Amino acid sequence: MNLSFKNRIALHYMLATAIIMAVAFLAVYFVVESVVYRNIDRDLSFEAEKHTAEIKIVGDSIKIKNKKEWEEKEHREVQVNPVFIQILDKNGVFMDKSPNLKENQLVYNSKATFGGRYNEILNNKPIRQVQLPIEERGKIKGFIVAAMSLEASQMVLLNLRNILLVVYLFLLASLYFISKYIAGRSIIPVINVIETTNRITKNNLNERV
């Protein structure tokens, strides 16, 4: 496809600017994503450490001390963004859990033995988990796993991604026409030189470039 000089200038300018905008938009998205996950991980670590003080170790058994406290509204109703807690032994075998998990269980991750954070699925919904070791006299007796829903956070990130994509495409389209106009204005002197040169012949030497 042969493009005019003006269109080639506009296209090159648009491509260069498009790359810069893409890098900037990606940076914005990943910074927001990092902040979202960092806040979730901070809350999860706080909950896991808080509930570590609410468990009791009897031999090889690990249980939650006061189950009645888990009957509070935030541990029973999904609508208030609950925190799910599960207790595992040192081999990852289930020991106890918060009542809001009902018949479900959180997934044990053998690679996340020292505060690992990872995404999982619970009831076909995304969750974020943190897994902290439960220690007694310097030995790992088990793990406490805390989880929170990721639905709201992922919806925010999805909306942000869609908005950035729409804005990016709109700016690209606008940029093409603007750059085409600017390119047309900038090459007017070149066009004048070319036209003047074309008019110069041996019978017409009055024109000057």
Protein backbone atom coordinates (compact mmCIF):
# COMPACT_ATOMS: atom_id res chain seq x y z
CA MET A 1 0.00 0.00 0.00
CA ASN A 2 1.49 3.33 -1.13
CA LEU A 3 0.92 6.18 1.29
CA SER A 4 1.39 9.83 0.53
CA PHE A 5 4.23 11.71 2.19
CA LYS A 6 1.76 13.42 4.52
CA ASN A 7 0.12 10.15 5.56
CA ARG A 8 3.50 8.50 6.18
CA ILE A 9 4.51 11.31 8.51
CA ALA A 10 1.16 11.09 10.31
CA LEU A 11 1.42 7.29 10.62
CA HIS A 12 4.97 7.35 12.00
CA TYR A 13 4.07 10.06 14.47
CA MET A 14 0.97 8.15 15.56
CA LEU A 15 2.89 4.87 16.03
CA ALA A 16 5.57 6.54 18.13
CA THR A 17 3.00 8.25 20.32
CA ALA A 18 0.89 5.06 20.52
CA ILE A 19 3.85 3.13 21.94
CA ILE A 20 4.49 5.82 24.55
CA MET A 21 0.78 5.88 25.53
CA ALA A 22 0.65 2.08 25.72
CA VAL A 23 3.63 2.02 28.10
CA ALA A 24 2.05 4.77 30.22
CA PHE A 25 -1.36 3.06 30.36
CA LEU A 26 0.20 -0.31 31.22
CA ALA A 27 2.21 1.35 33.98
CA VAL A 28 -0.97 2.91 35.41
CA TYR A 29 -2.80 -0.43 35.33
CA PHE A 30 -0.01 -2.42 36.97
CA VAL A 31 0.53 0.23 39.65
CA VAL A 32 -3.18 0.16 40.54
CA GLU A 33 -3.17 -3.65 40.48
CA SER A 34 -0.14 -3.71 42.76
CA VAL A 35 -1.78 -1.31 45.22
CA VAL A 36 -5.03 -3.33 45.25
CA TYR A 37 -3.26 -6.62 45.96
CA ARG A 38 -0.93 -5.02 48.49
CA ASN A 39 -3.92 -3.70 50.47
CA ILE A 40 -5.64 -7.10 50.35
CA ASP A 41 -2.46 -8.89 51.43
CA ARG A 42 -1.98 -6.45 54.30
CA ASP A 43 -5.53 -7.05 55.54
CA LEU A 44 -5.13 -10.81 55.16
CA SER A 45 -1.87 -10.86 57.11
CA PHE A 46 -3.47 -8.79 59.86
CA GLU A 47 -6.44 -11.17 60.10
CA ALA A 48 -4.24 -14.27 60.07
CA GLU A 49 -1.94 -12.92 62.79
CA LYS A 50 -4.91 -11.74 64.86
CA HIS A 51 -6.57 -15.13 64.75
CA THR A 52 -3.33 -16.96 65.47
CA ALA A 53 -3.77 -15.75 69.05
CA GLU A 54 -7.24 -17.34 69.14
CA ILE A 55 -6.15 -20.93 68.61
CA LYS A 56 -5.01 -23.58 71.07
CA ILE A 57 -2.53 -26.38 70.53
CA VAL A 58 -3.05 -29.65 72.39
CA GLY A 59 -0.47 -32.20 71.34
CA ASP A 60 -0.84 -32.56 67.59
CA SER A 61 -4.31 -31.03 67.60
CA ILE A 62 -4.95 -27.37 66.75
CA LYS A 63 -8.35 -25.82 67.39
CA ILE A 64 -10.01 -22.41 67.55
CA LYS A 65 -10.48 -21.36 71.19
CA ASN A 66 -13.75 -19.46 71.23
CA LYS A 67 -16.04 -20.64 68.45
CA LYS A 68 -18.84 -18.40 69.72
CA GLU A 69 -16.94 -15.31 68.60
CA TRP A 70 -17.05 -16.70 65.07
CA GLU A 71 -20.81 -16.52 65.10
CA GLU A 72 -20.64 -12.73 64.77
CA LYS A 73 -22.19 -11.21 61.67
CA GLU A 74 -18.93 -10.62 59.79
CA HIS A 75 -18.09 -14.33 60.07
CA ARG A 76 -21.52 -15.56 58.99
CA GLU A 77 -22.70 -13.38 56.13
CA VAL A 78 -21.00 -13.20 52.76
CA GLN A 79 -22.48 -9.75 52.06
CA VAL A 80 -20.11 -8.01 54.47
CA ASN A 81 -16.89 -9.25 52.85
CA PRO A 82 -16.04 -11.92 55.43
CA VAL A 83 -12.66 -13.33 56.28
CA PHE A 84 -12.38 -17.10 56.02
CA ILE A 85 -10.05 -18.86 58.44
CA GLN A 86 -8.84 -22.46 58.35
CA ILE A 87 -6.43 -24.36 60.59
CA LEU A 88 -4.18 -27.10 59.19
CA ASP A 89 -1.59 -29.37 60.76
CA LYS A 90 2.06 -29.30 59.67
CA ASN A 91 1.27 -31.69 56.81
CA GLY A 92 -1.58 -29.55 55.49
CA VAL A 93 -4.31 -31.81 56.90
CA PHE A 94 -7.52 -30.04 57.93
CA MET A 95 -7.97 -29.39 61.67
CA ASP A 96 -10.54 -26.62 62.13
CA LYS A 97 -12.20 -23.72 60.29
CA SER A 98 -14.43 -20.69 60.71
CA PRO A 99 -18.20 -21.35 60.51
CA ASN A 100 -18.62 -19.12 57.43
CA LEU A 101 -16.78 -21.73 55.35
CA LYS A 102 -19.67 -24.12 56.00
CA GLU A 103 -18.98 -27.33 54.05
CA ASN A 104 -16.14 -25.78 52.04
CA GLN A 105 -12.41 -25.86 52.71
CA LEU A 106 -9.55 -23.61 51.72
CA VAL A 107 -6.76 -25.02 49.59
CA TYR A 108 -3.42 -25.83 51.24
CA ASN A 109 -0.37 -24.71 49.27
CA SER A 110 2.74 -26.72 50.12
CA LYS A 111 4.95 -24.06 48.49
CA ALA A 112 3.56 -21.21 50.62
CA THR A 113 4.71 -22.37 54.05
CA PHE A 114 6.06 -19.05 55.29
CA GLY A 115 3.49 -16.36 54.60
CA GLY A 116 2.80 -17.15 50.97
CA ARG A 117 0.01 -15.27 49.22
CA TYR A 118 -1.87 -16.72 46.28
CA ASN A 119 -5.21 -16.70 44.45
CA GLU A 120 -7.68 -19.57 44.66
CA ILE A 121 -11.32 -20.36 43.94
CA LEU A 122 -14.02 -20.89 46.56
CA ASN A 123 -17.56 -21.75 45.44
CA ASN A 124 -16.60 -20.75 41.89
CA LYS A 125 -15.59 -17.29 43.14
CA PRO A 126 -12.06 -15.84 43.25
CA ILE A 127 -10.41 -15.42 46.64
CA ARG A 128 -7.03 -14.29 47.90
CA GLN A 129 -5.29 -16.40 50.53
CA VAL A 130 -2.39 -16.02 52.93
CA GLN A 131 -0.85 -19.00 54.69
CA LEU A 132 1.13 -18.44 57.90
CA PRO A 133 2.92 -21.08 60.00
CA ILE A 134 1.78 -21.78 63.57
CA GLU A 135 4.89 -22.22 65.69
CA GLU A 136 5.45 -23.59 69.18
CA ARG A 137 8.90 -23.55 70.75
CA GLY A 138 10.49 -22.85 67.40
CA LYS A 139 8.77 -25.75 65.63
CA ILE A 140 6.02 -25.54 63.03
CA LYS A 141 2.91 -27.21 64.43
CA GLY A 142 0.58 -26.27 61.61
CA PHE A 143 -0.71 -23.44 59.44
CA ILE A 144 -3.40 -20.80 59.62
CA VAL A 145 -4.92 -19.89 56.26
CA ALA A 146 -6.87 -16.64 55.88
CA ALA A 147 -8.86 -15.79 52.75
CA MET A 148 -10.92 -12.88 51.44
CA SER A 149 -13.06 -12.43 48.35
CA LEU A 150 -11.37 -11.00 45.25
CA GLU A 151 -14.60 -10.26 43.35
CA ALA A 152 -14.78 -6.55 44.16
CA SER A 153 -11.08 -5.98 43.54
CA GLN A 154 -11.11 -7.86 40.24
CA MET A 155 -14.18 -5.91 39.15
CA VAL A 156 -12.33 -2.64 39.85
CA LEU A 157 -9.33 -3.86 37.83
CA LEU A 158 -11.56 -5.07 34.99
CA ASN A 159 -13.36 -1.72 34.81
CA LEU A 160 -10.04 0.11 34.86
CA ARG A 161 -8.69 -2.10 32.06
CA ASN A 162 -11.79 -1.52 29.92
CA ILE A 163 -11.70 2.24 30.50
CA LEU A 164 -8.00 2.43 29.62
CA LEU A 165 -8.59 0.38 26.46
CA VAL A 166 -11.49 2.57 25.28
CA VAL A 167 -9.58 5.77 26.06
CA TYR A 168 -6.50 4.39 24.29
CA LEU A 169 -8.41 3.57 21.10
CA PHE A 170 -10.19 6.94 21.17
CA LEU A 171 -6.89 8.80 21.61
CA LEU A 172 -5.31 6.79 18.79
CA ALA A 173 -8.10 7.72 16.39
CA SER A 174 -7.97 11.37 17.45
CA LEU A 175 -4.20 11.38 17.27
CA TYR A 176 -4.20 10.10 13.69
CA PHE A 177 -6.38 12.94 12.40
CA ILE A 178 -4.52 15.56 14.45
CA SER A 179 -1.13 14.30 13.28
CA LYS A 180 -2.40 14.16 9.70
CA TYR A 181 -3.47 17.80 9.95
CA ILE A 182 -0.18 18.87 11.55
CA ALA A 183 1.81 16.90 8.97
CA GLY A 184 -0.15 18.57 6.18
CA ARG A 185 0.61 22.01 7.60
CA SER A 186 4.28 21.24 8.21
CA ILE A 187 5.01 20.08 4.64
CA ILE A 188 3.40 23.09 2.92
CA PRO A 189 6.85 24.70 2.35
CA VAL A 190 8.10 21.42 0.83
CA ILE A 191 5.07 21.25 -1.47
CA ASN A 192 5.67 24.87 -2.54
CA VAL A 193 9.30 24.06 -3.35
CA ILE A 194 8.28 21.03 -5.40
CA GLU A 195 5.62 22.94 -7.31
CA THR A 196 7.98 25.81 -8.03
CA THR A 197 10.69 23.41 -9.19
CA ASN A 198 8.25 21.72 -11.54
CA ARG A 199 7.41 25.06 -13.15
CA ILE A 200 11.04 25.86 -13.91
CA THR A 201 11.97 24.93 -17.49
CA LYS A 202 14.45 26.25 -20.02
CA ASN A 203 11.67 28.40 -21.38
CA ASN A 204 10.65 29.65 -17.93
CA LEU A 205 13.58 30.75 -15.80
CA ASN A 206 11.74 33.47 -13.91
CA GLU A 207 10.71 31.18 -11.05
CA ARG A 208 12.98 31.01 -8.03
CA VAL A 209 13.10 28.36 -5.31
